[in-house]
Amino acid sequence: IGAGAAEGSIDASSIMKPSLARGELQVVGATTLDEYRKHIEKDAALERRFQPVTVGEPSEESS
């Protein structure tokens, strides 16, 4: 979402939002907090369709 966007192009989020809203599509994604804020958080309609799960960096011992 947002990667390689050009003026006048259709973003992947615009294609996915209707299917997400109807429950026809389920998505699991991974991103950084900065990228989430840049691409997801700024679009309220898209943000409503995701449930963020914050996963911390594992310790050396647990990895």
N, C-alpha and C. Protein backbone atom coordinates (compact mmCIF):
# COMPACT_ATOMS: atom_id res chain seq x y z
N ILE A 1 0.86 -1.16 0.00
CA ILE A 1 0.00 0.00 0.00
C ILE A 1 0.90 1.22 0.00
N GLY A 2 0.77 2.02 -1.01
CA GLY A 2 1.57 3.22 -1.08
C GLY A 2 2.88 3.04 -1.81
N ALA A 3 3.39 1.83 -1.92
CA ALA A 3 4.67 1.60 -2.57
C ALA A 3 4.54 1.80 -4.07
N GLY A 4 5.43 2.56 -4.64
CA GLY A 4 5.44 2.77 -6.08
C GLY A 4 4.28 3.60 -6.61
N ALA A 5 3.65 4.34 -5.73
CA ALA A 5 2.49 5.14 -6.15
C ALA A 5 2.92 6.25 -7.10
N ALA A 6 2.16 6.41 -8.16
CA ALA A 6 2.41 7.48 -9.12
C ALA A 6 1.15 8.32 -9.23
N GLU A 7 1.31 9.54 -9.65
CA GLU A 7 0.16 10.43 -9.78
C GLU A 7 -0.87 9.82 -10.72
N GLY A 8 -2.12 9.79 -10.27
CA GLY A 8 -3.19 9.24 -11.09
C GLY A 8 -3.32 7.73 -11.03
N SER A 9 -2.44 7.05 -10.33
CA SER A 9 -2.53 5.59 -10.25
C SER A 9 -3.50 5.18 -9.15
N ILE A 10 -4.00 3.96 -9.24
CA ILE A 10 -4.90 3.43 -8.22
C ILE A 10 -4.05 2.69 -7.20
N ASP A 11 -4.18 3.08 -5.95
CA ASP A 11 -3.43 2.46 -4.87
C ASP A 11 -4.09 1.13 -4.50
N ALA A 12 -3.30 0.17 -4.03
CA ALA A 12 -3.82 -1.13 -3.64
C ALA A 12 -4.90 -1.01 -2.58
N SER A 13 -4.76 -0.04 -1.68
CA SER A 13 -5.76 0.12 -0.63
C SER A 13 -7.13 0.49 -1.20
N SER A 14 -7.16 1.25 -2.27
CA SER A 14 -8.42 1.63 -2.91
C SER A 14 -9.12 0.41 -3.51
N ILE A 15 -8.35 -0.54 -3.96
CA ILE A 15 -8.90 -1.76 -4.53
C ILE A 15 -9.40 -2.69 -3.42
N MET A 16 -8.67 -2.74 -2.31
CA MET A 16 -8.99 -3.66 -1.22
C MET A 16 -10.12 -3.19 -0.31
N LYS A 17 -10.27 -1.89 -0.11
CA LYS A 17 -11.23 -1.37 0.88
C LYS A 17 -12.65 -1.89 0.70
N PRO A 18 -13.23 -1.91 -0.50
CA PRO A 18 -14.60 -2.42 -0.61
C PRO A 18 -14.73 -3.88 -0.18
N SER A 19 -13.79 -4.72 -0.56
CA SER A 19 -13.84 -6.13 -0.18
C SER A 19 -13.62 -6.31 1.32
N LEU A 20 -12.74 -5.52 1.89
CA LEU A 20 -12.53 -5.56 3.34
C LEU A 20 -13.80 -5.15 4.07
N ALA A 21 -14.45 -4.11 3.60
CA ALA A 21 -15.67 -3.60 4.24
C ALA A 21 -16.80 -4.62 4.20
N ARG A 22 -16.88 -5.38 3.12
CA ARG A 22 -17.93 -6.40 2.98
C ARG A 22 -17.57 -7.71 3.67
N GLY A 23 -16.35 -7.82 4.18
CA GLY A 23 -15.92 -9.05 4.84
C GLY A 23 -15.55 -10.15 3.86
N GLU A 24 -15.32 -9.81 2.62
CA GLU A 24 -14.97 -10.78 1.59
C GLU A 24 -13.47 -11.06 1.52
N LEU A 25 -12.70 -10.25 2.20
CA LEU A 25 -11.25 -10.35 2.14
C LEU A 25 -10.68 -10.20 3.54
N GLN A 26 -9.80 -11.11 3.91
CA GLN A 26 -9.08 -11.00 5.17
C GLN A 26 -7.61 -10.84 4.85
N VAL A 27 -6.95 -9.95 5.58
CA VAL A 27 -5.56 -9.62 5.29
C VAL A 27 -4.73 -9.67 6.57
N VAL A 28 -3.56 -10.25 6.46
CA VAL A 28 -2.57 -10.19 7.53
C VAL A 28 -1.37 -9.47 6.93
N GLY A 29 -0.94 -8.41 7.56
CA GLY A 29 0.17 -7.64 7.02
C GLY A 29 1.22 -7.38 8.08
N ALA A 30 2.37 -6.96 7.65
CA ALA A 30 3.45 -6.59 8.57
C ALA A 30 4.08 -5.31 8.06
N THR A 31 4.36 -4.41 8.98
CA THR A 31 4.96 -3.13 8.61
C THR A 31 5.66 -2.54 9.82
N THR A 32 6.39 -1.50 9.60
CA THR A 32 6.99 -0.76 10.71
C THR A 32 5.98 0.27 11.20
N LEU A 33 6.19 0.80 12.38
CA LEU A 33 5.31 1.82 12.92
C LEU A 33 5.32 3.06 12.03
N ASP A 34 6.50 3.43 11.54
CA ASP A 34 6.59 4.60 10.65
C ASP A 34 5.79 4.41 9.37
N GLU A 35 5.89 3.24 8.75
CA GLU A 35 5.15 2.97 7.52
C GLU A 35 3.65 2.88 7.79
N TYR A 36 3.27 2.33 8.94
CA TYR A 36 1.86 2.28 9.32
C TYR A 36 1.30 3.70 9.39
N ARG A 37 2.03 4.55 10.06
CA ARG A 37 1.58 5.95 10.20
C ARG A 37 1.51 6.65 8.84
N LYS A 38 2.45 6.36 7.98
CA LYS A 38 2.52 7.02 6.68
C LYS A 38 1.41 6.56 5.73
N HIS A 39 1.11 5.25 5.73
CA HIS A 39 0.21 4.71 4.72
C HIS A 39 -1.16 4.27 5.23
N ILE A 40 -1.25 3.83 6.46
CA ILE A 40 -2.52 3.31 6.98
C ILE A 40 -3.24 4.33 7.84
N GLU A 41 -2.53 4.86 8.82
CA GLU A 41 -3.14 5.75 9.80
C GLU A 41 -3.74 7.01 9.18
N LYS A 42 -3.16 7.49 8.11
CA LYS A 42 -3.66 8.72 7.48
C LYS A 42 -4.95 8.50 6.70
N ASP A 43 -5.31 7.25 6.47
CA ASP A 43 -6.54 6.91 5.73
C ASP A 43 -7.52 6.26 6.71
N ALA A 44 -8.43 7.06 7.27
CA ALA A 44 -9.33 6.57 8.32
C ALA A 44 -10.16 5.37 7.86
N ALA A 45 -10.61 5.38 6.62
CA ALA A 45 -11.43 4.26 6.11
C ALA A 45 -10.61 2.97 6.07
N LEU A 46 -9.36 3.07 5.72
CA LEU A 46 -8.49 1.90 5.68
C LEU A 46 -8.12 1.47 7.10
N GLU A 47 -7.80 2.43 7.94
CA GLU A 47 -7.39 2.11 9.31
C GLU A 47 -8.49 1.38 10.08
N ARG A 48 -9.75 1.72 9.83
CA ARG A 48 -10.88 1.05 10.51
C ARG A 48 -10.93 -0.44 10.21
N ARG A 49 -10.35 -0.85 9.11
CA ARG A 49 -10.45 -2.23 8.67
C ARG A 49 -9.29 -3.11 9.14
N PHE A 50 -8.39 -2.53 9.92
CA PHE A 50 -7.25 -3.28 10.45
C PHE A 50 -7.21 -3.21 11.96
N GLN A 51 -6.75 -4.27 12.58
CA GLN A 51 -6.55 -4.31 14.02
C GLN A 51 -5.05 -4.44 14.25
N PRO A 52 -4.39 -3.36 14.65
CA PRO A 52 -2.94 -3.44 14.86
C PRO A 52 -2.57 -4.37 16.01
N VAL A 53 -1.53 -5.13 15.81
CA VAL A 53 -0.95 -5.99 16.84
C VAL A 53 0.53 -5.63 16.90
N THR A 54 0.94 -5.01 17.98
CA THR A 54 2.33 -4.59 18.11
C THR A 54 3.15 -5.75 18.68
N VAL A 55 4.20 -6.11 17.98
CA VAL A 55 5.07 -7.20 18.40
C VAL A 55 6.45 -6.61 18.64
N GLY A 56 6.93 -6.74 19.85
CA GLY A 56 8.25 -6.23 20.18
C GLY A 56 9.36 -7.10 19.63
N GLU A 57 10.54 -6.54 19.61
CA GLU A 57 11.71 -7.28 19.14
C GLU A 57 12.04 -8.38 20.15
N PRO A 58 12.30 -9.60 19.68
CA PRO A 58 12.62 -10.68 20.62
C PRO A 58 14.00 -10.48 21.24
N SER A 59 14.16 -11.00 22.43
CA SER A 59 15.47 -10.95 23.07
C SER A 59 16.37 -12.01 22.43
N GLU A 60 17.65 -11.89 22.64
CA GLU A 60 18.58 -12.90 22.12
C GLU A 60 18.25 -14.26 22.71
N GLU A 61 17.85 -14.27 23.95
CA GLU A 61 17.54 -15.53 24.63
C GLU A 61 16.33 -16.23 24.02
N SER A 62 15.30 -15.47 23.68
CA SER A 62 14.09 -16.09 23.15
C SER A 62 14.17 -16.41 21.66
N SER A 63 15.13 -15.82 20.98
CA SER A 63 15.26 -16.11 19.55
C SER A 63 16.29 -17.18 19.35
